[in-house]
Protein backbone atom coordinates (compact mmCIF):
# COMPACT_ATOMS: atom_id res chain seq x y z
CA MET A 1 0.00 0.00 0.00
CA LYS A 2 1.03 3.63 -0.51
CA LEU A 3 1.08 6.62 1.87
CA LEU A 4 1.34 10.28 0.81
CA ILE A 5 2.70 12.83 3.33
CA VAL A 6 1.74 16.44 2.51
CA ASP A 7 3.50 19.22 4.46
CA ASP A 8 5.39 22.34 3.40
CA GLU A 9 8.07 21.70 6.06
CA LYS A 10 10.63 19.08 5.04
CA HIS A 11 11.68 18.24 8.61
CA VAL A 12 8.05 17.43 9.48
CA ARG A 13 7.77 15.07 6.52
CA GLU A 14 11.03 13.38 7.56
CA ALA A 15 9.85 13.08 11.17
CA ILE A 16 6.60 11.40 10.10
CA ARG A 17 8.66 8.93 8.02
CA LEU A 18 10.81 8.02 11.04
CA LEU A 19 8.24 7.88 13.83
CA VAL A 20 6.27 4.80 12.66
CA ASP A 21 7.19 1.31 11.47
CA TRP A 22 5.26 1.72 8.24
CA LYS A 23 6.06 -1.76 6.91
CA ALA A 24 4.34 -3.27 9.95
CA HIS A 25 1.17 -1.51 8.77
CA GLY A 26 1.56 -2.81 5.21
CA ILE A 27 2.97 0.43 3.75
CA ASN A 28 5.67 -0.29 1.17
CA THR A 29 5.76 3.09 -0.62
CA ILE A 30 5.92 6.55 1.01
CA LEU A 31 5.39 9.61 -1.19
CA GLU A 32 5.94 13.28 -0.28
CA ALA A 33 4.45 16.59 -1.43
CA SER A 34 5.16 20.11 -0.17
CA ASP A 35 1.82 21.62 -1.22
CA GLY A 36 -1.72 20.70 -2.24
CA LYS A 37 -1.20 21.11 -5.98
CA THR A 38 1.77 18.71 -6.04
CA ALA A 39 -0.24 16.34 -3.84
CA ILE A 40 -3.09 16.22 -6.38
CA GLU A 41 -0.63 15.42 -9.18
CA LEU A 42 0.89 12.58 -7.12
CA ILE A 43 -2.53 11.24 -6.12
CA SER A 44 -3.69 11.18 -9.74
CA ARG A 45 -0.53 9.36 -10.85
CA GLU A 46 0.29 7.06 -7.91
CA ARG A 47 -3.18 6.41 -6.41
CA PRO A 48 -2.13 6.09 -2.73
CA GLN A 49 -4.47 4.50 -0.21
CA PHE A 50 -3.66 6.99 2.59
CA VAL A 51 -2.93 10.75 2.82
CA PHE A 52 -1.52 12.52 5.90
CA THR A 53 -1.76 16.30 5.36
CA ASP A 54 -0.97 19.60 7.04
CA MET A 55 -3.62 22.34 7.09
CA ILE A 56 -1.74 25.59 6.44
CA MET A 57 0.40 25.39 3.28
CA PRO A 58 1.27 27.81 0.48
CA GLY A 59 -1.10 27.78 -2.47
CA MET A 60 -3.73 25.12 -1.73
CA HIS A 61 -4.57 24.66 1.95
CA GLY A 62 -5.25 21.31 3.59
CA THR A 63 -9.01 22.00 3.72
CA ASP A 64 -9.06 22.50 -0.07
CA LEU A 65 -7.12 19.26 -0.56
CA LEU A 66 -9.57 17.38 1.70
CA GLU A 67 -12.52 18.76 -0.27
CA TRP A 68 -10.86 17.72 -3.57
CA LEU A 69 -10.21 14.23 -2.19
CA GLN A 70 -13.84 13.82 -1.12
CA GLN A 71 -15.03 14.72 -4.62
CA ASN A 72 -12.39 12.93 -6.71
CA ALA A 73 -10.90 10.13 -4.59
CA PRO A 74 -13.38 9.36 -1.79
CA ASN A 75 -11.87 5.95 -1.02
CA ILE A 76 -8.55 7.43 0.15
CA LYS A 77 -8.28 7.48 3.95
CA THR A 78 -7.04 10.82 5.35
CA VAL A 79 -5.48 12.09 8.59
CA VAL A 80 -4.74 15.76 9.36
CA ILE A 81 -1.52 16.70 11.20
CA SER A 82 -1.69 20.40 12.12
CA GLY A 83 -0.02 22.93 14.36
CA PHE A 84 -3.37 24.69 14.98
CA ASP A 85 -5.85 23.55 17.62
CA ASP A 86 -8.67 25.15 15.66
CA PHE A 87 -12.29 23.96 15.92
CA ASP A 88 -13.10 25.08 12.38
CA PHE A 89 -10.21 22.98 11.02
CA VAL A 90 -11.43 19.95 13.00
CA ARG A 91 -15.00 20.49 11.76
CA LYS A 92 -13.87 20.62 8.12
CA THR A 93 -11.70 17.54 8.62
CA VAL A 94 -14.78 15.61 9.74
CA LYS A 95 -16.95 17.18 7.02
CA TYR A 96 -14.59 16.06 4.25
CA GLY A 97 -14.13 12.52 5.56
CA GLY A 98 -10.91 12.79 7.56
CA LEU A 99 -10.51 10.02 10.13
CA ASP A 100 -8.26 11.81 12.67
CA TYR A 101 -6.85 15.24 13.62
CA LEU A 102 -3.39 15.16 15.25
CA LEU A 103 -1.56 18.15 16.71
CA LYS A 104 2.08 19.06 16.32
CA PRO A 105 4.50 18.31 17.82
CA ILE A 106 3.71 14.78 16.71
CA ASP A 107 3.32 12.09 19.36
CA PRO A 108 4.69 8.77 17.94
CA ASP A 109 2.09 6.67 19.79
CA GLN A 110 -0.78 8.82 18.56
CA LEU A 111 0.56 8.65 15.01
CA ALA A 112 0.85 4.84 15.19
CA GLU A 113 -2.68 4.55 16.62
CA ALA A 114 -4.04 6.82 13.88
CA MET A 115 -2.33 4.65 11.28
CA THR A 116 -3.83 1.50 12.81
CA ARG A 117 -7.31 3.06 12.63
CA VAL A 118 -7.04 4.19 9.00
CA VAL A 119 -5.60 0.84 7.87
CA SER A 120 -8.43 -0.95 9.68
CA SER A 121 -10.97 1.39 8.08
CA TYR A 122 -9.43 0.84 4.65
CA LYS A 123 -9.48 -2.95 5.02
CA GLU A 124 -13.11 -2.89 6.15
CA MET A 125 -13.98 -0.75 3.15
CA GLU A 126 -12.14 -3.12 0.78
CA HIS A 127 -13.87 -6.13 2.32
CA SER A 128 -17.24 -4.43 1.91
CA ARG A 129 -16.44 -3.52 -1.70
CA ALA A 130 -15.36 -7.10 -2.43
CA GLU A 131 -18.62 -8.39 -0.92
CA ASN A 132 -20.58 -5.90 -3.01
CA ARG A 133 -18.71 -6.94 -6.16
CA ARG A 134 -19.37 -10.59 -5.39
CA THR A 135 -23.05 -9.89 -4.75
CA THR A 136 -23.27 -7.86 -7.95
CA MET A 137 -21.62 -10.65 -9.91
CA GLU A 138 -24.04 -13.20 -8.46
CA ILE A 139 -27.00 -10.96 -9.30
CA ASN A 140 -25.67 -10.41 -12.81
CA GLU A 141 -25.33 -14.17 -13.26
CA ILE A 142 -28.86 -14.82 -12.03
CA LYS A 143 -30.48 -11.84 -13.75
CA PRO A 144 -30.36 -13.22 -17.34
CA VAL A 145 -31.96 -16.48 -16.16
CA TYR A 146 -34.64 -14.47 -14.36
CA TRP A 147 -35.47 -12.42 -17.46
CA ASP A 148 -35.35 -15.52 -19.66
CA LYS A 149 -38.13 -16.93 -17.51
CA MET A 150 -40.10 -13.68 -17.27
CA PHE A 151 -40.13 -12.95 -21.01
CA SER A 152 -40.71 -16.61 -21.93
CA GLN A 153 -43.77 -16.65 -19.69
CA LEU A 154 -44.95 -13.34 -21.11
CA LEU A 155 -44.82 -14.82 -24.61
CA SER A 156 -46.99 -17.76 -23.61
CA GLU A 157 -49.25 -15.84 -21.19
CA PRO A 158 -49.82 -12.16 -22.16
CA ASP A 159 -51.74 -11.52 -18.91
CA TYR A 160 -48.52 -12.29 -17.02
CA LEU A 161 -47.49 -8.68 -17.73
CA SER A 162 -49.45 -7.55 -14.67
CA SER A 163 -47.02 -9.54 -12.49
CA ILE A 164 -43.85 -8.00 -13.90
CA ARG A 165 -44.79 -4.36 -14.52
CA GLU A 166 -42.65 -3.01 -11.67
CA PRO A 167 -39.54 -5.14 -12.44
CA LEU A 168 -39.81 -4.13 -16.12
CA ASP A 169 -39.96 -0.46 -15.19
CA ARG A 170 -36.99 -0.74 -12.80
CA GLU A 171 -34.80 -2.69 -15.22
CA PHE A 172 -35.78 -1.28 -18.63
CA HIS A 173 -37.75 1.90 -17.80
CA ILE A 174 -40.63 0.84 -20.04
CA SER A 175 -44.30 -0.02 -19.81
CA LEU A 176 -45.28 -2.68 -22.33
CA ASP A 177 -49.02 -2.05 -21.97
CA GLY A 178 -50.20 -1.07 -25.45
CA LEU A 179 -46.62 -0.54 -26.66
CA PRO A 180 -45.96 -1.30 -30.36
CA SER A 181 -43.45 -4.17 -30.38
CA ARG A 182 -42.20 -6.97 -32.57
CA ILE A 183 -40.40 -10.29 -32.19
CA ALA A 184 -37.25 -11.51 -33.93
CA ILE A 185 -35.94 -15.07 -33.60
CA LEU A 186 -32.24 -15.86 -33.97
CA SER A 187 -31.68 -19.30 -35.51
CA VAL A 188 -28.63 -20.66 -33.67
CA GLU A 189 -28.62 -23.77 -35.87
CA SER A 190 -27.96 -21.54 -38.89
CA ILE A 191 -24.54 -20.44 -37.64
CA SER A 192 -21.59 -21.87 -39.55
CA ALA A 193 -20.26 -25.31 -38.61
CA SER A 194 -16.82 -23.83 -37.91
CA VAL A 195 -18.29 -21.63 -35.17
CA ARG A 196 -20.36 -24.47 -33.72
CA ASN A 197 -17.25 -26.66 -33.67
CA LYS A 198 -15.41 -24.05 -31.60
CA PHE A 199 -18.12 -24.42 -28.95
CA ALA A 200 -18.61 -28.18 -29.35
CA SER A 201 -17.61 -28.86 -25.75
CA GLY A 202 -20.26 -26.48 -24.41
CA LEU A 203 -22.99 -24.92 -26.54
CA ASP A 204 -24.17 -22.90 -23.52
CA LEU A 205 -21.09 -20.73 -24.02
CA LEU A 206 -22.17 -20.11 -27.64
CA TYR A 207 -25.63 -19.03 -26.47
CA PHE A 208 -24.04 -16.82 -23.80
CA SER A 209 -21.84 -15.15 -26.43
CA LEU A 210 -24.71 -14.59 -28.88
CA LEU A 211 -26.98 -13.19 -26.17
CA ASN A 212 -24.26 -10.83 -24.93
CA ILE A 213 -23.68 -9.45 -28.42
CA CYS A 214 -27.42 -9.02 -29.06
CA ASN A 215 -28.02 -7.24 -25.76
CA GLU A 216 -24.98 -5.02 -26.22
CA PHE A 217 -26.64 -3.62 -29.36
CA LEU A 218 -30.09 -3.43 -27.75
CA ARG A 219 -28.87 -1.69 -24.58
CA LYS A 220 -27.23 1.17 -26.49
CA SER A 221 -30.57 2.87 -27.08
CA SER A 222 -32.90 0.77 -24.90
CA ARG A 223 -34.43 -0.87 -27.98
CA GLY A 224 -35.34 -4.25 -26.50
CA TYR A 225 -34.02 -7.39 -24.88
CA ALA A 226 -32.69 -10.76 -26.13
CA PHE A 227 -33.42 -13.89 -24.13
CA ARG A 228 -33.29 -17.64 -24.39
CA GLN A 229 -36.77 -19.10 -24.67
CA TRP A 230 -37.43 -21.61 -21.91
CA ASN A 231 -39.62 -24.01 -23.88
CA SER A 232 -37.21 -24.16 -26.82
CA THR A 233 -33.88 -25.95 -27.08
CA SER A 234 -32.41 -23.72 -29.75
CA ASP A 235 -34.19 -20.36 -30.05
CA ILE A 236 -32.93 -16.96 -28.99
CA VAL A 237 -35.80 -14.47 -29.00
CA LEU A 238 -35.45 -10.70 -29.34
CA LEU A 239 -38.30 -8.53 -28.05
CA LEU A 240 -37.99 -5.15 -29.79
CA TRP A 241 -39.91 -2.09 -28.57
CA LYS A 242 -38.19 0.99 -30.02
CA ASN A 243 -37.27 2.28 -33.52
CA LEU A 244 -39.14 -0.68 -35.00
CA ASP A 245 -38.88 0.54 -38.61
CA ASP A 246 -35.11 0.14 -38.32
CA SER A 247 -35.29 -3.47 -37.06
CA GLU A 248 -33.76 -5.12 -40.14
CA ALA A 249 -30.81 -2.73 -40.11
CA LEU A 250 -30.30 -3.38 -36.39
CA LEU A 251 -30.25 -7.16 -36.94
CA GLY A 252 -27.76 -6.60 -39.75
CA ARG A 253 -25.45 -4.75 -37.36
CA MET A 254 -25.78 -7.60 -34.87
CA ASN A 255 -24.70 -10.03 -37.57
CA LYS A 256 -21.67 -7.86 -38.22
CA GLY A 257 -20.95 -8.15 -34.49
CA PHE A 258 -21.24 -11.96 -34.71
CA GLU A 259 -18.82 -11.98 -37.65
CA ASP A 260 -16.27 -9.77 -35.89
CA THR A 261 -16.46 -11.63 -32.57
CA LEU A 262 -17.25 -15.25 -33.46
CA GLY A 263 -16.37 -15.51 -37.15
CA GLY A 264 -19.85 -16.40 -38.43
CA HIS A 265 -23.36 -15.14 -39.20
CA CYS A 266 -26.81 -16.20 -38.00
CA GLU A 267 -30.17 -15.95 -39.71
CA PHE A 268 -33.10 -14.08 -38.16
CA GLY A 269 -36.84 -14.42 -38.57
CA LEU A 270 -38.69 -11.13 -38.04
CA GLY A 271 -42.39 -10.82 -37.17
CA SER A 272 -44.64 -7.84 -37.84
CA VAL A 273 -45.24 -4.93 -35.46
CA GLN A 274 -47.99 -5.78 -32.97
CA THR A 275 -49.38 -4.24 -29.79
CA ALA A 276 -47.94 -5.70 -26.58
CA PRO A 277 -48.65 -7.81 -24.74
CA LYS A 278 -51.48 -9.53 -26.64
CA GLY A 279 -49.85 -9.22 -30.06
CA LEU A 280 -46.47 -10.70 -29.08
CA GLN A 281 -47.61 -14.28 -29.73
CA GLN A 282 -48.69 -13.35 -33.26
CA SER A 283 -45.38 -11.63 -34.00
CA HIS A 284 -43.51 -14.64 -32.57
CA ARG A 285 -45.47 -17.07 -34.79
CA GLU A 286 -44.67 -14.91 -37.81
CA ALA A 287 -40.95 -14.79 -36.98
CA ALA A 288 -40.86 -18.58 -36.62
CA ALA A 289 -42.77 -19.01 -39.89
CA ALA A 290 -40.35 -16.68 -41.69
CA LEU A 291 -37.45 -18.92 -40.63
CA ASP A 292 -39.30 -22.12 -41.51
CA ARG A 293 -40.13 -20.86 -45.01
CA ARG A 294 -36.66 -19.71 -46.00
CA ASN A 295 -34.92 -21.56 -48.82
CA LEU A 296 -32.04 -23.61 -47.39
CA LEU A 297 -30.47 -23.94 -50.84
CA LYS A 298 -29.78 -20.21 -51.15
CA ARG A 299 -27.81 -17.91 -48.87
CA GLY A 300 -29.21 -14.46 -49.49
CA LYS A 301 -30.67 -12.14 -46.89
CA MET A 302 -29.75 -12.94 -43.30
CA THR A 303 -33.01 -11.47 -41.99
CA HIS A 304 -36.27 -13.02 -43.18
CA SER A 305 -39.32 -10.82 -42.63
CA TYR A 306 -42.72 -12.44 -42.44
CA GLN A 307 -44.71 -12.21 -45.65
CA THR A 308 -48.36 -13.23 -45.97
CA VAL A 309 -47.82 -15.12 -49.21
CA GLY A 310 -48.11 -18.67 -47.86
CA THR A 311 -45.50 -21.37 -47.84
CA PRO A 312 -43.19 -21.26 -50.89
CA GLU A 313 -43.89 -24.09 -53.29
CA ILE A 314 -41.25 -26.68 -54.06
CA SER A 315 -40.98 -27.88 -57.63
CA LYS A 316 -42.58 -31.22 -56.77
CA ALA A 317 -43.78 -33.11 -53.73
CA VAL A 318 -41.12 -35.48 -52.37
CA TYR A 319 -41.69 -37.86 -49.49
CA PHE A 320 -39.17 -40.16 -47.87
CA ALA A 321 -41.99 -42.65 -47.31
CA ASP A 322 -42.11 -43.18 -51.09
CA CYS A 323 -39.03 -45.41 -50.82
CA GLU A 324 -40.06 -47.06 -47.54
CA GLN A 325 -41.09 -50.37 -49.11
CA PHE A 326 -37.87 -50.73 -51.11
CA LEU A 327 -35.63 -49.71 -48.21
CA LEU A 328 -37.38 -52.04 -45.79
CA ALA A 329 -36.83 -54.94 -48.18
CA ALA A 330 -33.13 -54.07 -48.52
CA VAL A 331 -32.57 -53.57 -44.79
CA SER A 332 -34.46 -56.70 -43.74
CA GLY A 333 -32.60 -58.69 -46.39
CA GLY A 334 -29.22 -57.45 -45.16
CA ASN A 335 -28.47 -55.94 -48.59
CA GLU A 336 -26.25 -52.93 -47.85
CA LYS A 337 -25.48 -52.24 -51.50
CA GLN A 338 -29.19 -51.97 -52.28
CA VAL A 339 -29.66 -49.60 -49.32
CA VAL A 340 -26.93 -47.32 -50.72
CA THR A 341 -28.51 -47.42 -54.19
CA ILE A 342 -32.03 -46.59 -52.98
CA LEU A 343 -30.80 -43.70 -50.84
CA SER A 344 -28.69 -42.40 -53.72
CA GLN A 345 -31.75 -42.39 -55.99
CA TRP A 346 -33.85 -40.54 -53.41
CA PHE A 347 -31.15 -37.92 -52.86
CA THR A 348 -30.80 -37.49 -56.63
CA THR A 349 -34.43 -36.34 -56.56
CA ILE A 350 -33.66 -34.02 -53.64
CA ARG A 351 -30.77 -32.47 -55.59
CA SER A 352 -33.12 -31.66 -58.46
CA LEU A 353 -35.21 -29.36 -56.24
CA SER A 354 -34.68 -25.63 -56.50
CA ASN A 355 -36.21 -24.84 -53.13
CA ILE A 356 -36.04 -26.69 -49.80
CA THR A 357 -37.56 -24.93 -46.81
CA MET A 358 -36.68 -25.53 -43.18
CA GLU A 359 -40.26 -26.71 -42.77
CA GLN A 360 -39.75 -29.39 -45.44
CA PHE A 361 -36.36 -30.44 -44.07
CA LYS A 362 -37.83 -30.97 -40.59
CA ALA A 363 -40.69 -33.00 -42.10
CA TRP A 364 -38.17 -35.31 -43.82
CA MET A 365 -36.23 -35.66 -40.56
CA ASN A 366 -39.40 -36.66 -38.74
CA GLU A 367 -40.33 -39.12 -41.50
CA TYR A 368 -36.89 -40.70 -41.37
CA GLN A 369 -36.85 -41.06 -37.59
CA LEU A 370 -40.33 -42.60 -37.47
CA LEU A 371 -39.52 -45.16 -40.17
CA ARG A 372 -36.08 -45.97 -38.80
CA ASN A 373 -37.31 -46.45 -35.24
CA ARG A 374 -40.08 -48.73 -36.45
CA TRP A 375 -37.59 -50.83 -38.43
CA VAL A 376 -35.33 -51.12 -35.38
CA GLN A 377 -38.25 -52.35 -33.27
CA GLU A 378 -39.40 -54.82 -35.92
CA LEU A 379 -36.09 -56.17 -37.20
CA CYS A 380 -33.65 -56.06 -34.29
CA PRO A 381 -35.09 -54.95 -30.95
CA ASP A 382 -31.62 -54.93 -29.43
CA ALA A 383 -31.24 -52.69 -26.36
CA GLU A 384 -27.59 -51.94 -27.12
CA LEU A 385 -28.38 -50.81 -30.65
CA LEU A 386 -31.27 -48.65 -29.51
CA ALA A 387 -29.09 -46.97 -26.90
CA SER A 388 -26.37 -46.20 -29.43
CA SER A 389 -28.96 -44.94 -31.90
CA ASP A 390 -30.40 -42.52 -29.36
CA THR A 391 -27.02 -40.84 -28.96
CA GLN A 392 -26.97 -40.25 -32.72
CA ASP A 393 -30.34 -38.48 -32.87
CA ASN A 394 -28.93 -34.97 -32.55
CA ARG A 395 -26.33 -35.63 -35.25
CA LEU A 396 -28.91 -37.13 -37.61
CA ASN A 397 -31.40 -34.29 -37.09
CA SER A 398 -28.99 -31.33 -37.10
CA ILE A 399 -28.90 -29.32 -40.29
CA PRO A 400 -25.65 -29.79 -42.23
CA PHE A 401 -24.56 -26.48 -43.74
CA THR A 402 -21.70 -25.80 -46.13
CA LYS A 403 -19.13 -23.08 -45.42
CA GLU A 404 -21.30 -20.81 -47.58
CA GLY A 405 -24.27 -21.43 -45.30
CA VAL A 406 -26.47 -23.51 -47.64
CA LEU A 407 -27.83 -27.00 -47.01
CA ASP A 408 -25.10 -29.61 -47.54
CA ILE A 409 -27.00 -32.46 -49.21
CA ASP A 410 -23.81 -34.56 -49.54
CA VAL A 411 -23.26 -34.62 -45.77
CA TRP A 412 -26.96 -35.27 -45.21
CA GLU A 413 -26.80 -38.28 -47.54
CA GLN A 414 -23.63 -39.58 -45.87
CA ARG A 415 -25.29 -39.47 -42.44
CA TRP A 416 -28.33 -41.46 -43.52
CA THR A 417 -26.23 -43.90 -45.55
CA LEU A 418 -23.94 -44.70 -42.63
CA ASP A 419 -26.89 -44.98 -40.27
CA LEU A 420 -28.99 -47.33 -42.42
CA THR A 421 -26.07 -49.51 -43.53
CA ALA A 422 -25.19 -49.95 -39.83
CA LEU A 423 -28.78 -51.00 -39.18
CA THR A 424 -28.62 -53.39 -42.16
CA ARG A 425 -25.45 -54.98 -40.76
CA GLU A 426 -27.15 -55.39 -37.41
CA VAL A 427 -30.02 -57.23 -39.08
CA ARG A 428 -27.64 -59.37 -41.09
CA PHE A 429 -25.11 -60.32 -38.43
CA GLY A 430 -26.64 -59.55 -35.06
CA GLY A 431 -29.72 -61.69 -34.88
CA ASN A 432 -29.06 -65.42 -34.88
CA LYS A 433 -25.35 -65.81 -34.11
CA GLU A 434 -24.23 -67.44 -30.90
CA GLN A 435 -23.43 -65.01 -28.10
CA HIS A 436 -19.81 -66.10 -27.81
CA VAL A 437 -17.51 -63.18 -27.01
CA ILE A 438 -15.67 -63.58 -30.34
CA TRP A 439 -18.94 -62.98 -32.19
CA ARG A 440 -19.53 -59.91 -30.04
CA ILE A 441 -16.06 -58.69 -31.00
CA GLU A 442 -16.88 -59.27 -34.68
CA LYS A 443 -20.12 -57.33 -34.24
CA TYR A 444 -18.20 -54.51 -32.53
CA ILE A 445 -15.79 -54.34 -35.50
CA ARG A 446 -18.66 -54.10 -37.99
CA ASN A 447 -20.27 -51.27 -36.03
CA HIS A 448 -17.03 -49.35 -35.38
CA TYR A 449 -14.85 -49.98 -38.43
CA GLN A 450 -14.72 -46.18 -38.99
CA SER A 451 -12.77 -45.80 -35.72
CA ASP A 452 -9.06 -46.33 -35.11
CA LEU A 453 -9.43 -50.00 -34.14
CA SER A 454 -6.51 -52.00 -32.76
CA LEU A 455 -6.04 -55.39 -31.11
CA GLN A 456 -4.93 -53.65 -27.90
CA GLU A 457 -8.03 -51.43 -27.77
CA ILE A 458 -10.36 -54.39 -28.37
CA ALA A 459 -8.56 -56.51 -25.76
CA GLU A 460 -8.99 -53.76 -23.16
CA ARG A 461 -12.65 -53.22 -24.06
CA PHE A 462 -13.57 -56.93 -23.76
CA PHE A 463 -11.18 -57.69 -20.85
CA LEU A 464 -9.36 -60.43 -22.78
CA SER A 465 -5.73 -61.02 -23.66
CA ARG A 466 -4.54 -60.09 -27.13
CA GLU A 467 -3.23 -63.64 -27.62
CA TYR A 468 -6.61 -65.22 -26.84
CA ILE A 469 -8.49 -62.87 -29.20
CA SER A 470 -5.98 -63.43 -32.02
CA ARG A 471 -6.15 -67.22 -31.71
CA ARG A 472 -9.93 -67.56 -31.30
CA PHE A 473 -10.75 -64.93 -33.94
CA LYS A 474 -8.69 -66.73 -36.59
CA GLN A 475 -10.27 -70.06 -35.63
CA GLU A 476 -13.78 -68.60 -35.99
CA PHE A 477 -13.36 -66.43 -39.10
CA GLY A 478 -10.32 -67.84 -40.87
CA GLN A 479 -8.48 -64.47 -40.82
CA ASN A 480 -6.44 -62.59 -38.30
CA LEU A 481 -8.16 -59.59 -36.74
CA SER A 482 -6.30 -56.82 -38.59
CA ASP A 483 -6.94 -58.44 -41.99
CA TYR A 484 -10.61 -58.84 -41.10
CA ILE A 485 -10.89 -55.14 -40.14
CA GLY A 486 -9.26 -54.22 -43.45
CA ARG A 487 -11.69 -56.44 -45.39
CA ILE A 488 -14.74 -54.92 -43.66
CA ARG A 489 -13.46 -51.43 -44.42
CA ILE A 490 -12.90 -52.24 -48.08
CA GLU A 491 -16.37 -53.82 -48.32
CA GLN A 492 -17.91 -50.61 -46.98
CA ALA A 493 -15.70 -48.48 -49.23
CA LYS A 494 -16.94 -50.41 -52.28
CA LEU A 495 -20.52 -49.68 -51.25
CA LEU A 496 -19.83 -45.98 -50.75
CA LEU A 497 -17.97 -45.72 -54.07
CA THR A 498 -21.18 -46.63 -55.90
CA ASN A 499 -22.46 -43.19 -54.85
CA PRO A 500 -20.90 -40.64 -57.25
CA HIS A 501 -21.62 -37.75 -54.88
CA ILE A 502 -19.19 -38.94 -52.19
CA ARG A 503 -15.60 -37.92 -52.91
CA ILE A 504 -12.74 -40.44 -52.59
CA THR A 505 -11.24 -38.56 -49.65
CA GLN A 506 -14.63 -38.66 -47.89
CA VAL A 507 -14.96 -42.40 -48.54
CA ALA A 508 -11.51 -42.95 -47.02
CA SER A 509 -12.44 -41.00 -43.89
CA MET A 510 -15.82 -42.72 -43.57
CA VAL A 511 -14.23 -46.19 -43.49
CA GLY A 512 -11.46 -45.34 -41.04
CA TYR A 513 -8.53 -44.13 -43.16
CA ALA A 514 -7.21 -40.64 -42.42
CA ASP A 515 -4.74 -40.76 -45.35
CA GLU A 516 -6.36 -40.96 -48.80
CA LYS A 517 -3.15 -42.23 -50.44
CA TYR A 518 -2.81 -45.06 -47.93
CA PHE A 519 -6.49 -45.91 -48.42
CA SER A 520 -5.99 -46.10 -52.20
CA LYS A 521 -2.98 -48.38 -51.72
CA VAL A 522 -4.91 -50.74 -49.41
CA PHE A 523 -7.95 -50.67 -51.69
CA LYS A 524 -5.89 -51.64 -54.73
CA LYS A 525 -4.22 -54.44 -52.76
CA HIS A 526 -7.64 -55.93 -51.93
CA THR A 527 -9.46 -55.32 -55.23
CA GLY A 528 -6.75 -55.04 -57.87
CA SER A 529 -7.94 -51.57 -58.91
CA SER A 530 -7.79 -48.03 -57.55
CA PRO A 531 -10.91 -46.45 -56.00
CA ASN A 532 -11.40 -44.28 -59.09
CA GLU A 533 -11.10 -47.29 -61.42
CA TYR A 534 -13.54 -49.28 -59.31
CA ARG A 535 -16.08 -46.42 -59.28
CA HIS A 536 -15.81 -45.99 -63.05
CA ARG A 537 -16.29 -49.70 -63.66
CA GLU A 538 -19.33 -49.88 -61.35
CA GLN A 539 -20.97 -46.92 -63.09
CA ILE A 540 -20.50 -48.55 -66.51
CA GLU A 541 -21.99 -51.81 -65.28
């Protein structure tokens, strides 16, 4: 801590330095000034915690310095050391926050006691400030959750406004009764994959970042509030109540903030202006509809305003259920190649469409999940498979976007192809085989061939020695384990190569090879032709 001694007499300043063991009080820096003006310069630059000052000095008197301290540095603790036993000086010392008034000549014990009191006062003040900061931080952490709940409830129950009028007025200085307002919805799922990947370990941090940026823009002119809707897993809702004609431009500036801070954009749905609180639900429905009706195949405007023109038409009606009968036959027959072919044909139709809305994409996702879950129940009601499938639901249902922000149909097709071929393998190999551990290992290989499999990893997983697995596996399947893994991978690669939309490098990655050149070498060793040659030959046939 720092102490500033202010006195026009040098010998007094030196005496004060010598009379107290300052280090024992936590003082490691002692500063000196011969007048009030110099003292102010030192205080502004050095920021001492304590000031001991004389009263009568040339230029600025001690009373003027005390008054300046009270106005500009009220946390500094002050003690007056004066040669005048003057009531008016004492009164002004108290008035301007001084903690003690000592008379010259200085008594060492009194000076030490005064120092003990001001240090104690300073530490109490710091403790109180720390407690206040901690309380403020806790309130600030809780406050967003509180307003998330309040505004979410207001959206679902307009009459709830009567319960939050006073908190709204205190926090935002507004009355929503009859106030023209509108709703915007930020689609978090529309943000680029690169940004989502940065926050893969905790999407709550992504939501926190987006909400902070939104509210930073909204707070500047008290234009509204952004909150996370309680009954939604992915929506961020913006309630706007000021300068509503400029809403699209405001959302554009927010997107610029996302780009500068996070490196990606988000899409907004914007409802019409309605009267709060009753009209908020209508504006919210419109904002959601605007997002649902946007064309996922085109990246144009980032803000989609609601238009009363109905749902955009797609060039033709396409239903995943149209290929249900053929897929069911292929899956139940264990024919993986046929599964790949049927899916490829369906996605060829999808690629011919000029317009795919979010509404349509979600409908296809729901169709797929319903059919797939029914097939699992009918063909292989295996608890282990169902559990592993549940963990894949989010990946299967999430929207794959390209770097440009349009729907990535290739990735979408890859997801469904891998999922249904895995189900087909389960039907083919998982049903009637004996439950010997070696067969369970073989099943594990077929379901995880994309991973970095090794004999050591499998031995640890199944609590068996490597020697036992190697011996029994070769007895059962006529191949050693590593050769068998390679054969399974090449079998799957051959299936994937029949789909012209999956690049060779993607095929390699999908079957467990990080290096495309190594994959091509292994593929040629097993088949006698390169992946490109094999694909060309299959297409001709």
